[in-house]
C-alpha atoms as a PDB file:
ATOM      1  CA  UNK A   1     -19.747   9.663 -22.531  1.00  0.00           C
ATOM      2  CA  UNK A   2     -18.024  10.664 -19.329  1.00  0.00           C
ATOM      3  CA  UNK A   3     -16.918  14.355 -19.024  1.00  0.00           C
ATOM      4  CA  UNK A   4     -13.327  14.772 -17.952  1.00  0.00           C
ATOM      5  CA  UNK A   5     -12.544  17.804 -15.910  1.00  0.00           C
ATOM      6  CA  UNK A   6      -9.674  20.020 -17.152  1.00  0.00           C
ATOM      7  CA  UNK A   7      -6.247  19.117 -15.614  1.00  0.00           C
ATOM      8  CA  UNK A   8      -7.367  15.610 -14.624  1.00  0.00           C
ATOM      9  CA  UNK A   9      -4.270  13.479 -14.217  1.00  0.00           C
ATOM     10  CA  UNK A  10      -3.850  10.876 -16.938  1.00  0.00           C
ATOM     11  CA  UNK A  11      -3.650   8.115 -14.300  1.00  0.00           C
ATOM     12  CA  UNK A  12      -7.140   8.937 -13.135  1.00  0.00           C
ATOM     13  CA  UNK A  13      -8.440   8.929 -16.732  1.00  0.00           C
ATOM     14  CA  UNK A  14      -6.907   5.513 -17.568  1.00  0.00           C
ATOM     15  CA  UNK A  15      -7.461   4.117 -14.001  1.00  0.00           C
ATOM     16  CA  UNK A  16      -3.949   2.770 -13.394  1.00  0.00           C
ATOM     17  CA  UNK A  17      -0.359   3.765 -12.709  1.00  0.00           C
ATOM     18  CA  UNK A  18       2.927   1.938 -12.432  1.00  0.00           C
ATOM     19  CA  UNK A  19       4.618   1.635  -9.044  1.00  0.00           C
ATOM     20  CA  UNK A  20       7.586  -0.604  -8.302  1.00  0.00           C
ATOM     21  CA  UNK A  21       6.842  -2.474 -11.507  1.00  0.00           C
ATOM     22  CA  UNK A  22       3.306  -3.171 -10.492  1.00  0.00           C
ATOM     23  CA  UNK A  23       0.122  -2.030 -12.223  1.00  0.00           C
ATOM     24  CA  UNK A  24      -1.766  -0.241  -9.488  1.00  0.00           C
ATOM     25  CA  UNK A  25      -5.448   0.755  -9.929  1.00  0.00           C
ATOM     26  CA  UNK A  26      -6.159   4.398  -8.990  1.00  0.00           C
ATOM     27  CA  UNK A  27      -9.172   6.683  -8.982  1.00  0.00           C
ATOM     28  CA  UNK A  28     -10.194   9.963  -7.364  1.00  0.00           C
ATOM     29  CA  UNK A  29     -10.634   8.166  -4.032  1.00  0.00           C
ATOM     30  CA  UNK A  30      -6.845   7.757  -3.701  1.00  0.00           C
ATOM     31  CA  UNK A  31      -3.693   9.799  -4.368  1.00  0.00           C
ATOM     32  CA  UNK A  32      -1.552   8.777  -7.302  1.00  0.00           C
ATOM     33  CA  UNK A  33       1.638   7.039  -6.026  1.00  0.00           C
ATOM     34  CA  UNK A  34       4.715   9.184  -6.516  1.00  0.00           C
ATOM     35  CA  UNK A  35       7.831   7.765  -8.101  1.00  0.00           C
ATOM     36  CA  UNK A  36      10.049   8.871  -5.075  1.00  0.00           C
ATOM     37  CA  UNK A  37       7.878   6.634  -2.854  1.00  0.00           C
ATOM     38  CA  UNK A  38       9.596   3.719  -4.544  1.00  0.00           C
ATOM     39  CA  UNK A  39      12.725   4.794  -2.601  1.00  0.00           C
ATOM     40  CA  UNK A  40      10.842   4.319   0.669  1.00  0.00           C
ATOM     41  CA  UNK A  41       9.775   0.823  -0.344  1.00  0.00           C
ATOM     42  CA  UNK A  42      13.385  -0.047  -1.360  1.00  0.00           C
ATOM     43  CA  UNK A  43      14.770   1.270   1.971  1.00  0.00           C
ATOM     44  CA  UNK A  44      12.247  -0.673   4.043  1.00  0.00           C
ATOM     45  CA  UNK A  45      12.849  -3.894   2.014  1.00  0.00           C
ATOM     46  CA  UNK A  46      16.585  -3.472   2.476  1.00  0.00           C
ATOM     47  CA  UNK A  47      16.243  -2.911   6.213  1.00  0.00           C
ATOM     48  CA  UNK A  48      13.839  -5.920   6.527  1.00  0.00           C
ATOM     49  CA  UNK A  49      16.334  -8.272   4.790  1.00  0.00           C
ATOM     50  CA  UNK A  50      18.959  -7.334   7.331  1.00  0.00           C
ATOM     51  CA  UNK A  51      16.900  -8.642  10.347  1.00  0.00           C
ATOM     52  CA  UNK A  52      17.863 -11.762  12.319  1.00  0.00           C
ATOM     53  CA  UNK A  53      16.924 -14.933  10.399  1.00  0.00           C
ATOM     54  CA  UNK A  54      14.101 -17.120  11.783  1.00  0.00           C
ATOM     55  CA  UNK A  55      12.907 -14.300  14.058  1.00  0.00           C
ATOM     56  CA  UNK A  56       9.292 -14.804  12.885  1.00  0.00           C
ATOM     57  CA  UNK A  57       7.190 -12.851  10.445  1.00  0.00           C
ATOM     58  CA  UNK A  58       8.055  -9.257  10.204  1.00  0.00           C
ATOM     59  CA  UNK A  59       4.984  -7.074  11.098  1.00  0.00           C
ATOM     60  CA  UNK A  60       4.574  -3.825   9.144  1.00  0.00           C
ATOM     61  CA  UNK A  61       2.017  -1.032   9.498  1.00  0.00           C
ATOM     62  CA  UNK A  62       1.239   1.084   6.435  1.00  0.00           C
ATOM     63  CA  UNK A  63      -0.631   4.196   7.705  1.00  0.00           C
ATOM     64  CA  UNK A  64      -2.904   6.026   5.246  1.00  0.00           C
ATOM     65  CA  UNK A  65      -2.495   3.260   2.637  1.00  0.00           C
ATOM     66  CA  UNK A  66      -4.585   4.850  -0.127  1.00  0.00           C
ATOM     67  CA  UNK A  67      -4.320   2.528  -3.128  1.00  0.00           C
ATOM     68  CA  UNK A  68      -2.322   0.076  -1.105  1.00  0.00           C
ATOM     69  CA  UNK A  69       0.759   0.530  -3.307  1.00  0.00           C
ATOM     70  CA  UNK A  70       3.320   0.584  -0.485  1.00  0.00           C
ATOM     71  CA  UNK A  71       1.760  -2.366   1.408  1.00  0.00           C
ATOM     72  CA  UNK A  72       1.554  -4.436  -1.829  1.00  0.00           C
ATOM     73  CA  UNK A  73       5.037  -3.639  -2.987  1.00  0.00           C
ATOM     74  CA  UNK A  74       6.480  -4.487   0.403  1.00  0.00           C
ATOM     75  CA  UNK A  75       4.535  -7.735   0.484  1.00  0.00           C
ATOM     76  CA  UNK A  76       5.977  -8.688  -2.907  1.00  0.00           C
ATOM     77  CA  UNK A  77       9.508  -7.653  -1.839  1.00  0.00           C
ATOM     78  CA  UNK A  78       9.670  -9.206   1.634  1.00  0.00           C
ATOM     79  CA  UNK A  79       8.588 -12.884   1.612  1.00  0.00           C
ATOM     80  CA  UNK A  80       8.188 -13.213   5.375  1.00  0.00           C
ATOM     81  CA  UNK A  81       6.011 -10.269   6.328  1.00  0.00           C
ATOM     82  CA  UNK A  82       2.460  -9.551   7.480  1.00  0.00           C
ATOM     83  CA  UNK A  83       1.156  -6.056   6.773  1.00  0.00           C
ATOM     84  CA  UNK A  84      -1.657  -4.076   8.318  1.00  0.00           C
ATOM     85  CA  UNK A  85      -2.694  -1.265   5.992  1.00  0.00           C
ATOM     86  CA  UNK A  86      -4.950   1.401   7.384  1.00  0.00           C
ATOM     87  CA  UNK A  87      -6.902   4.310   5.989  1.00  0.00           C
ATOM     88  CA  UNK A  88      -9.644   6.518   7.199  1.00  0.00           C
ATOM     89  CA  UNK A  89     -11.466   6.290   3.906  1.00  0.00           C
ATOM     90  CA  UNK A  90     -13.636   3.229   3.134  1.00  0.00           C
ATOM     91  CA  UNK A  91     -13.429   4.225  -0.546  1.00  0.00           C
ATOM     92  CA  UNK A  92      -9.594   4.092  -0.440  1.00  0.00           C
ATOM     93  CA  UNK A  93      -9.678   0.757   1.352  1.00  0.00           C
ATOM     94  CA  UNK A  94     -11.881  -0.576  -1.469  1.00  0.00           C
ATOM     95  CA  UNK A  95      -9.257   0.475  -4.032  1.00  0.00           C
ATOM     96  CA  UNK A  96      -6.489  -1.097  -1.855  1.00  0.00           C
ATOM     97  CA  UNK A  97      -8.528  -4.341  -1.482  1.00  0.00           C
ATOM     98  CA  UNK A  98      -8.908  -4.540  -5.252  1.00  0.00           C
ATOM     99  CA  UNK A  99      -5.178  -3.983  -5.806  1.00  0.00           C
ATOM    100  CA  UNK A 100      -4.195  -6.515  -3.178  1.00  0.00           C
ATOM    101  CA  UNK A 101      -6.428  -9.119  -4.838  1.00  0.00           C
ATOM    102  CA  UNK A 102      -5.154  -8.224  -8.314  1.00  0.00           C
ATOM    103  CA  UNK A 103      -1.557  -8.850  -7.151  1.00  0.00           C
ATOM    104  CA  UNK A 104      -2.243 -11.999  -5.189  1.00  0.00           C
ATOM    105  CA  UNK A 105      -1.265 -10.648  -1.708  1.00  0.00           C
ATOM    106  CA  UNK A 106      -4.732 -10.148  -0.149  1.00  0.00           C
ATOM    107  CA  UNK A 107      -4.125 -12.967   2.361  1.00  0.00           C
ATOM    108  CA  UNK A 108      -1.020 -11.178   3.687  1.00  0.00           C
ATOM    109  CA  UNK A 109      -2.463  -7.720   4.107  1.00  0.00           C
ATOM    110  CA  UNK A 110      -5.079  -6.812   6.694  1.00  0.00           C
ATOM    111  CA  UNK A 111      -6.963  -3.722   5.688  1.00  0.00           C
ATOM    112  CA  UNK A 112      -8.277  -1.606   8.578  1.00  0.00           C
ATOM    113  CA  UNK A 113     -10.467   1.493   8.591  1.00  0.00           C
ATOM    114  CA  UNK A 114      -8.731   3.802  11.093  1.00  0.00           C
ATOM    115  CA  UNK A 115      -7.968   7.380  11.788  1.00  0.00           C
ATOM    116  CA  UNK A 116      -4.180   6.967  12.052  1.00  0.00           C
ATOM    117  CA  UNK A 117      -3.529   4.623  15.093  1.00  0.00           C
ATOM    118  CA  UNK A 118      -7.069   4.807  16.562  1.00  0.00           C
ATOM    119  CA  UNK A 119      -8.307   1.328  15.400  1.00  0.00           C
ATOM    120  CA  UNK A 120      -4.952  -0.289  14.795  1.00  0.00           C
ATOM    121  CA  UNK A 121      -3.994  -3.052  17.227  1.00  0.00           C
ATOM    122  CA  UNK A 122      -0.758  -4.832  17.954  1.00  0.00           C
ATOM    123  CA  UNK A 123       2.939  -4.252  17.876  1.00  0.00           C
ATOM    124  CA  UNK A 124       4.885  -3.585  14.702  1.00  0.00           C
ATOM    125  CA  UNK A 125       8.564  -3.893  13.617  1.00  0.00           C
ATOM    126  CA  UNK A 126       8.214  -1.190  10.990  1.00  0.00           C
ATOM    127  CA  UNK A 127       5.696   1.659  10.470  1.00  0.00           C
ATOM    128  CA  UNK A 128       5.605   3.313   7.053  1.00  0.00           C
ATOM    129  CA  UNK A 129       3.565   6.173   5.652  1.00  0.00           C
ATOM    130  CA  UNK A 130       3.766   8.535   2.793  1.00  0.00           C
END
Protein backbone atom coordinates (compact mmCIF):
# COMPACT_ATOMS: atom_id res chain seq x y z
CA UNK A 1 0.00 0.00 0.00
CA UNK A 2 1.40 3.39 -1.03
CA UNK A 3 1.57 6.07 1.64
CA UNK A 4 0.10 9.38 0.52
CA UNK A 5 1.61 12.50 2.02
CA UNK A 6 -0.75 14.99 3.63
CA UNK A 7 -1.97 17.73 1.27
CA UNK A 8 -1.14 15.72 -1.87
CA UNK A 9 -3.29 17.07 -4.71
CA UNK A 10 -6.01 14.67 -5.79
CA UNK A 11 -4.72 14.82 -9.39
CA UNK A 12 -1.42 13.27 -8.27
CA UNK A 13 -3.27 10.60 -6.32
CA UNK A 14 -5.47 9.56 -9.27
CA UNK A 15 -2.75 10.29 -11.86
CA UNK A 16 -4.83 12.39 -14.24
CA UNK A 17 -6.45 15.77 -14.69
CA UNK A 18 -8.75 17.35 -17.26
CA UNK A 19 -7.39 20.07 -19.55
CA UNK A 20 -9.22 21.49 -22.58
CA UNK A 21 -11.46 18.43 -22.52
CA UNK A 22 -8.48 16.06 -22.59
CA UNK A 23 -7.49 13.50 -19.99
CA UNK A 24 -3.88 14.42 -19.13
CA UNK A 25 -1.63 12.11 -17.13
CA UNK A 26 0.16 13.87 -14.26
CA UNK A 27 2.52 12.88 -11.47
CA UNK A 28 4.98 14.56 -9.15
CA UNK A 29 7.38 15.08 -12.08
CA UNK A 30 5.10 17.74 -13.63
CA UNK A 31 2.94 20.59 -12.44
CA UNK A 32 -0.83 20.16 -12.55
CA UNK A 33 -2.25 22.16 -15.49
CA UNK A 34 -4.23 25.16 -14.27
CA UNK A 35 -7.70 25.93 -15.64
CA UNK A 36 -6.72 29.47 -16.66
CA UNK A 37 -4.05 28.04 -18.96
CA UNK A 38 -6.94 26.94 -21.18
CA UNK A 39 -7.36 30.68 -21.95
CA UNK A 40 -3.80 30.73 -23.31
CA UNK A 41 -4.54 27.74 -25.56
CA UNK A 42 -7.76 29.38 -26.82
CA UNK A 43 -5.97 32.68 -27.56
CA UNK A 44 -3.16 30.96 -29.46
CA UNK A 45 -5.61 28.81 -31.43
CA UNK A 46 -7.67 31.89 -32.35
CA UNK A 47 -4.56 33.76 -33.45
CA UNK A 48 -3.35 30.77 -35.48
CA UNK A 49 -6.65 30.47 -37.35
CA UNK A 50 -6.27 34.11 -38.48
CA UNK A 51 -3.02 33.53 -40.35
CA UNK A 52 -2.74 33.63 -44.13
CA UNK A 53 -4.12 30.41 -45.71
CA UNK A 54 -1.65 28.09 -47.45
CA UNK A 55 1.32 29.73 -45.75
CA UNK A 56 2.72 26.35 -44.68
CA UNK A 57 2.67 24.59 -41.34
CA UNK A 58 2.58 26.84 -38.32
CA UNK A 59 5.60 26.23 -36.08
CA UNK A 60 5.00 26.57 -32.35
CA UNK A 61 7.46 26.29 -29.47
CA UNK A 62 6.12 25.24 -26.06
CA UNK A 63 8.81 26.09 -23.49
CA UNK A 64 8.80 24.17 -20.19
CA UNK A 65 6.15 21.79 -21.48
CA UNK A 66 5.76 19.67 -18.34
CA UNK A 67 2.95 17.20 -19.00
CA UNK A 68 2.66 18.44 -22.60
CA UNK A 69 -0.86 19.72 -21.99
CA UNK A 70 -0.43 22.98 -23.94
CA UNK A 71 1.37 21.34 -26.88
CA UNK A 72 -1.22 18.55 -27.09
CA UNK A 73 -4.24 20.86 -26.83
CA UNK A 74 -2.79 23.16 -29.50
CA UNK A 75 -2.04 20.25 -31.80
CA UNK A 76 -5.64 19.06 -31.42
CA UNK A 77 -6.98 22.61 -31.99
CA UNK A 78 -4.79 23.68 -34.93
CA UNK A 79 -4.79 21.12 -37.73
CA UNK A 80 -1.82 22.56 -39.63
CA UNK A 81 0.86 22.98 -36.97
CA UNK A 82 4.10 21.41 -35.90
CA UNK A 83 5.12 21.83 -32.27
CA UNK A 84 8.46 21.63 -30.52
CA UNK A 85 7.92 21.07 -26.79
CA UNK A 86 10.93 21.48 -24.54
CA UNK A 87 11.65 20.85 -20.89
CA UNK A 88 14.81 20.62 -18.81
CA UNK A 89 13.45 17.54 -17.01
CA UNK A 90 13.72 14.14 -18.68
CA UNK A 91 11.07 12.86 -16.25
CA UNK A 92 8.66 15.58 -17.41
CA UNK A 93 9.40 14.78 -21.05
CA UNK A 94 8.54 11.16 -20.33
CA UNK A 95 5.12 12.24 -19.03
CA UNK A 96 4.63 14.51 -22.07
CA UNK A 97 5.63 11.66 -24.41
CA UNK A 98 3.07 9.37 -22.76
CA UNK A 99 0.35 12.02 -23.06
CA UNK A 100 1.17 12.78 -26.72
CA UNK A 101 0.92 9.08 -27.54
CA UNK A 102 -2.31 8.69 -25.61
CA UNK A 103 -3.90 11.52 -27.61
CA UNK A 104 -2.54 10.43 -31.00
CA UNK A 105 -0.37 13.50 -31.65
CA UNK A 106 3.12 12.14 -30.98
CA UNK A 107 4.01 12.45 -34.67
CA UNK A 108 3.32 16.22 -34.63
CA UNK A 109 5.19 17.10 -31.42
CA UNK A 110 8.99 17.02 -31.17
CA UNK A 111 10.03 16.69 -27.53
CA UNK A 112 13.41 18.26 -26.76
CA UNK A 113 15.40 18.25 -23.53
CA UNK A 114 16.49 21.84 -23.15
CA UNK A 115 17.17 24.53 -20.59
CA UNK A 116 14.85 27.15 -22.10
CA UNK A 117 16.20 27.96 -25.61
CA UNK A 118 19.64 26.32 -25.20
CA UNK A 119 18.97 23.14 -27.27
CA UNK A 120 16.02 24.41 -29.31
CA UNK A 121 16.72 24.94 -33.01
CA UNK A 122 14.78 26.70 -35.75
CA UNK A 123 12.40 29.58 -36.19
CA UNK A 124 8.90 29.69 -34.72
CA UNK A 125 5.71 31.55 -35.53
CA UNK A 126 4.49 31.37 -31.93
CA UNK A 127 6.25 30.73 -28.60
CA UNK A 128 4.12 29.73 -25.60
CA UNK A 129 4.97 29.01 -22.01
CA UNK A 130 3.10 28.86 -18.75
